[in-house]
Amino acid sequence: MENNSNGFEKDLVAKQDDLWRVFRIMAEFVEGFETMGAIKPSIAVFGSARTKPSNKFYKKTVKVSKELTKRGFGIITGGGPGIMEAANKGAKEAGGSSTGVNIELPHEQNSNPYIDNDKLLNFRYFFIRKVMFFKYAQGYVIMPGGFGTIDEFFEVLTLIQTGKTKKVPIVVMGTEYWEPLMGWIKEFMIKFKYIEDFDMDLFKMTDDPKEAADIIYKFHKGTKIVPNF
């Protein structure tokens, strides 16, 4: 009987924890929507947090961010170091809007210093953070990165391919890094009919920051920009 009572109490505590978790999730969504809904049309830049300022991809990210800012876009990143820092730095130096959507991690990812004070958000949950990217970004620049970058790249491709979000421009930069993956996609995904040839048109690849910015600018030129869903 005592064991049954202990089991019931544990179940009750677990249910209460789940209930409070729902409220925490709701609060993060509300804060995110309020902040992100007020920013100007922006482009999300994805890439590795481990990229050092001396790295050529860091420097290229600063350049593409500046080019996008010149064309009237703000910049959204995951708020951390590496490629994210480079993108926010480019926006800041060009006098543009610089947003950071940071994530709380066990080893603590500190936000970079180039984010506007009123545009820094800190999230506990990855899925809420992703919603902010995919709802409010009007395009994406994908720089070299690890599992997280590939996850974000493939998820936005999936959302567009399945019609869960509207089509927006995606530019992949760093051809020497991405070409082996693109070759695998063509050799296996297309060969086995898991995707179609035209799915490769969902994104463009270039190493030229100006061309990357122009691809995104021309896509939106003359259109009214609104949230993606």
Protein backbone atom coordinates (compact mmCIF):
# COMPACT_ATOMS: atom_id res chain seq x y z
CA MET A 1 0.00 0.00 0.00
CA GLU A 2 2.83 2.38 0.88
CA ASN A 3 4.55 1.72 -2.44
CA ASN A 4 1.32 2.48 -4.33
CA SER A 5 0.99 5.76 -2.44
CA ASN A 6 4.55 6.76 -3.33
CA GLY A 7 3.88 5.93 -6.96
CA PHE A 8 0.74 8.08 -6.98
CA GLU A 9 2.61 11.02 -5.46
CA LYS A 10 5.35 10.73 -8.08
CA ASP A 11 2.77 10.69 -10.88
CA LEU A 12 1.10 13.77 -9.40
CA VAL A 13 4.40 15.64 -9.21
CA ALA A 14 5.20 14.68 -12.80
CA LYS A 15 1.82 15.99 -13.99
CA GLN A 16 2.33 19.25 -12.10
CA ASP A 17 5.78 19.61 -13.67
CA ASP A 18 4.27 19.09 -17.12
CA LEU A 19 1.60 21.72 -16.42
CA TRP A 20 4.17 24.31 -15.40
CA ARG A 21 6.23 23.39 -18.45
CA VAL A 22 3.25 24.27 -20.66
CA PHE A 23 3.06 27.73 -19.05
CA ARG A 24 6.82 28.20 -19.54
CA ILE A 25 6.46 27.29 -23.21
CA MET A 26 3.53 29.68 -23.64
CA ALA A 27 5.47 32.50 -21.98
CA GLU A 28 8.44 31.97 -24.33
CA PHE A 29 6.17 32.02 -27.37
CA VAL A 30 4.44 35.23 -26.23
CA GLU A 31 7.72 37.03 -25.55
CA GLY A 32 9.14 35.81 -28.85
CA PHE A 33 6.15 36.87 -30.92
CA GLU A 34 6.05 40.31 -29.28
CA THR A 35 9.73 41.00 -29.92
CA MET A 36 10.08 39.39 -33.35
CA GLY A 37 6.83 40.86 -34.61
CA ALA A 38 8.30 44.34 -34.20
CA ILE A 39 11.56 43.85 -36.13
CA LYS A 40 12.06 44.94 -39.74
CA PRO A 41 12.17 42.34 -42.57
CA SER A 42 15.24 40.28 -41.75
CA ILE A 43 17.42 37.46 -43.06
CA ALA A 44 18.52 34.57 -40.84
CA VAL A 45 22.16 33.53 -40.99
CA PHE A 46 23.03 29.99 -39.86
CA GLY A 47 26.50 28.56 -39.24
CA SER A 48 28.89 27.13 -36.70
CA ALA A 49 29.41 28.71 -33.30
CA ARG A 50 32.97 27.33 -33.40
CA THR A 51 34.14 29.50 -36.30
CA LYS A 52 36.96 31.83 -35.23
CA PRO A 53 37.28 35.51 -36.31
CA SER A 54 40.41 34.60 -38.27
CA ASN A 55 38.50 32.04 -40.35
CA LYS A 56 37.65 32.99 -43.95
CA PHE A 57 34.00 31.97 -43.45
CA TYR A 58 33.72 34.34 -40.48
CA LYS A 59 35.05 37.19 -42.61
CA LYS A 60 32.74 36.28 -45.51
CA THR A 61 29.76 36.23 -43.15
CA VAL A 62 30.55 39.78 -42.01
CA LYS A 63 30.61 40.84 -45.67
CA VAL A 64 27.36 39.17 -46.69
CA SER A 65 25.64 40.59 -43.61
CA LYS A 66 26.78 44.09 -44.58
CA GLU A 67 25.55 43.56 -48.15
CA LEU A 68 22.14 42.47 -46.90
CA THR A 69 21.99 45.47 -44.56
CA LYS A 70 22.76 47.82 -47.47
CA ARG A 71 19.74 46.36 -49.28
CA GLY A 72 17.45 47.19 -46.37
CA PHE A 73 17.30 43.90 -44.48
CA GLY A 74 17.92 43.25 -40.82
CA ILE A 75 19.88 40.23 -39.62
CA ILE A 76 18.70 37.41 -37.34
CA THR A 77 21.09 34.87 -35.82
CA GLY A 78 21.15 32.34 -33.01
CA GLY A 79 22.81 35.01 -30.91
CA GLY A 80 26.00 33.14 -30.07
CA PRO A 81 29.65 33.25 -31.17
CA GLY A 82 31.25 32.18 -34.46
CA ILE A 83 29.22 32.67 -37.62
CA MET A 84 26.37 34.14 -35.57
CA GLU A 85 28.65 36.77 -34.11
CA ALA A 86 30.05 37.55 -37.57
CA ALA A 87 26.56 38.12 -38.99
CA ASN A 88 25.48 40.36 -36.12
CA LYS A 89 28.79 42.22 -36.37
CA GLY A 90 28.23 42.93 -40.07
CA ALA A 91 24.75 44.27 -39.38
CA LYS A 92 25.96 46.42 -36.48
CA GLU A 93 28.89 47.89 -38.41
CA ALA A 94 26.61 48.70 -41.36
CA GLY A 95 24.09 50.43 -39.08
CA GLY A 96 21.39 47.80 -39.54
CA SER A 97 18.96 45.88 -37.36
CA SER A 98 20.73 43.08 -35.44
CA THR A 99 18.62 40.40 -33.73
CA GLY A 100 19.80 37.45 -31.63
CA VAL A 101 17.67 34.43 -30.76
CA ASN A 102 19.86 32.78 -28.15
CA ILE A 103 19.46 29.32 -26.59
CA GLU A 104 20.20 28.26 -23.02
CA LEU A 105 22.69 25.38 -23.05
CA PRO A 106 24.23 23.27 -20.24
CA HIS A 107 27.65 24.77 -20.95
CA GLU A 108 26.08 28.21 -21.47
CA GLN A 109 26.13 29.92 -24.84
CA ASN A 110 26.72 33.59 -24.15
CA SER A 111 25.21 36.09 -26.55
CA ASN A 112 27.61 38.04 -28.74
CA PRO A 113 28.09 41.82 -28.20
CA TYR A 114 26.77 42.91 -31.62
CA ILE A 115 23.06 42.33 -30.95
CA ASP A 116 20.76 45.33 -30.46
CA ASN A 117 19.76 45.65 -26.80
CA ASP A 118 16.05 45.48 -27.58
CA LYS A 119 16.41 42.51 -29.96
CA LEU A 120 17.99 39.82 -27.78
CA LEU A 121 15.87 36.84 -26.82
CA ASN A 122 16.91 33.87 -24.67
CA PHE A 123 15.03 30.58 -25.06
CA ARG A 124 15.09 27.34 -23.12
CA TYR A 125 13.55 25.25 -25.87
CA PHE A 126 15.07 24.67 -29.30
CA PHE A 127 11.68 24.19 -30.98
CA ILE A 128 10.42 27.62 -29.88
CA ARG A 129 13.63 29.22 -31.11
CA LYS A 130 13.16 27.50 -34.47
CA VAL A 131 9.62 28.84 -34.79
CA MET A 132 10.99 32.38 -34.42
CA PHE A 133 13.46 31.80 -37.25
CA PHE A 134 11.01 30.14 -39.59
CA LYS A 135 8.14 32.55 -38.93
CA TYR A 136 10.01 35.84 -39.19
CA ALA A 137 13.04 35.28 -41.46
CA GLN A 138 12.47 36.46 -45.03
CA GLY A 139 15.41 34.45 -46.33
CA TYR A 140 18.33 32.36 -45.18
CA VAL A 141 22.08 32.35 -45.63
CA ILE A 142 23.60 28.98 -44.76
CA MET A 143 27.29 29.08 -43.87
CA PRO A 144 29.45 26.05 -42.96
CA GLY A 145 28.46 24.43 -39.69
CA GLY A 146 27.80 21.21 -37.79
CA PHE A 147 24.74 19.18 -36.85
CA GLY A 148 22.73 22.23 -35.77
CA THR A 149 23.36 24.11 -39.01
CA ILE A 150 22.47 21.08 -41.15
CA ASP A 151 19.35 20.52 -39.05
CA GLU A 152 18.22 24.12 -39.59
CA PHE A 153 19.03 23.99 -43.32
CA PHE A 154 17.16 20.74 -43.91
CA GLU A 155 14.20 21.78 -41.76
CA VAL A 156 13.58 24.99 -43.68
CA LEU A 157 13.90 23.03 -46.94
CA THR A 158 11.33 20.55 -45.63
CA LEU A 159 8.92 23.28 -44.53
CA ILE A 160 9.05 24.93 -47.96
CA GLN A 161 8.94 21.64 -49.89
CA THR A 162 5.83 20.49 -48.01
CA GLY A 163 4.10 23.87 -48.20
CA LYS A 164 4.09 24.42 -44.44
CA THR A 165 5.70 27.82 -44.98
CA LYS A 166 5.87 30.07 -48.00
CA LYS A 167 8.85 29.96 -50.34
CA VAL A 168 11.68 32.28 -49.37
CA PRO A 169 15.20 32.53 -50.78
CA ILE A 170 17.89 30.25 -49.37
CA VAL A 171 21.53 30.90 -50.23
CA VAL A 172 24.23 28.37 -49.35
CA MET A 173 27.76 29.79 -49.02
CA GLY A 174 31.07 27.94 -48.79
CA THR A 175 31.00 25.69 -51.86
CA GLU A 176 34.13 23.76 -50.89
CA TYR A 177 32.40 22.75 -47.65
CA TRP A 178 28.95 21.97 -49.05
CA GLU A 179 29.76 20.39 -52.45
CA PRO A 180 30.33 16.85 -51.05
CA LEU A 181 26.89 16.97 -49.39
CA MET A 182 25.29 18.27 -52.59
CA GLY A 183 26.94 15.45 -54.51
CA TRP A 184 25.51 12.91 -52.06
CA ILE A 185 22.04 14.43 -52.39
CA LYS A 186 22.20 14.16 -56.17
CA GLU A 187 23.75 10.70 -56.19
CA PHE A 188 21.43 9.12 -53.66
CA MET A 189 18.35 11.21 -52.76
CA ILE A 190 17.51 12.04 -56.37
CA LYS A 191 18.67 8.71 -57.75
CA PHE A 192 16.38 6.80 -55.39
CA LYS A 193 13.53 9.27 -56.00
CA TYR A 194 13.35 10.43 -52.38
CA ILE A 195 13.36 13.99 -53.72
CA GLU A 196 12.80 15.40 -57.21
CA ASP A 197 15.31 17.17 -59.45
CA PHE A 198 13.41 20.44 -59.03
CA ASP A 199 13.83 20.30 -55.24
CA MET A 200 17.41 21.42 -55.82
CA ASP A 201 15.94 24.73 -57.03
CA LEU A 202 14.81 25.51 -53.48
CA PHE A 203 18.25 27.00 -52.81
CA LYS A 204 21.15 28.69 -54.59
CA MET A 205 24.85 28.31 -53.91
CA THR A 206 27.50 31.02 -54.24
CA ASP A 207 30.66 32.28 -52.58
CA ASP A 208 30.09 35.92 -53.56
CA PRO A 209 28.55 38.04 -50.75
CA LYS A 210 27.14 40.57 -53.22
CA GLU A 211 25.55 37.87 -55.35
CA ALA A 212 24.05 36.24 -52.25
CA ALA A 213 22.51 39.53 -51.16
CA ASP A 214 21.25 40.25 -54.68
CA ILE A 215 19.54 36.83 -54.91
CA ILE A 216 17.58 37.61 -51.76
CA TYR A 217 16.88 41.23 -52.69
CA LYS A 218 15.61 40.37 -56.20
CA PHE A 219 13.35 37.66 -54.80
CA HIS A 220 11.52 40.20 -52.62
CA LYS A 221 11.73 43.26 -54.87
CA GLY A 222 8.28 44.75 -55.43
CA THR A 223 6.51 42.43 -52.99
CA LYS A 224 4.93 43.04 -49.61
CA ILE A 225 6.85 41.26 -46.88
CA VAL A 226 4.79 39.58 -44.14
CA PRO A 227 5.49 36.76 -41.64
CA ASN A 228 5.79 33.34 -43.27
CA PHE A 229 2.85 31.69 -41.48
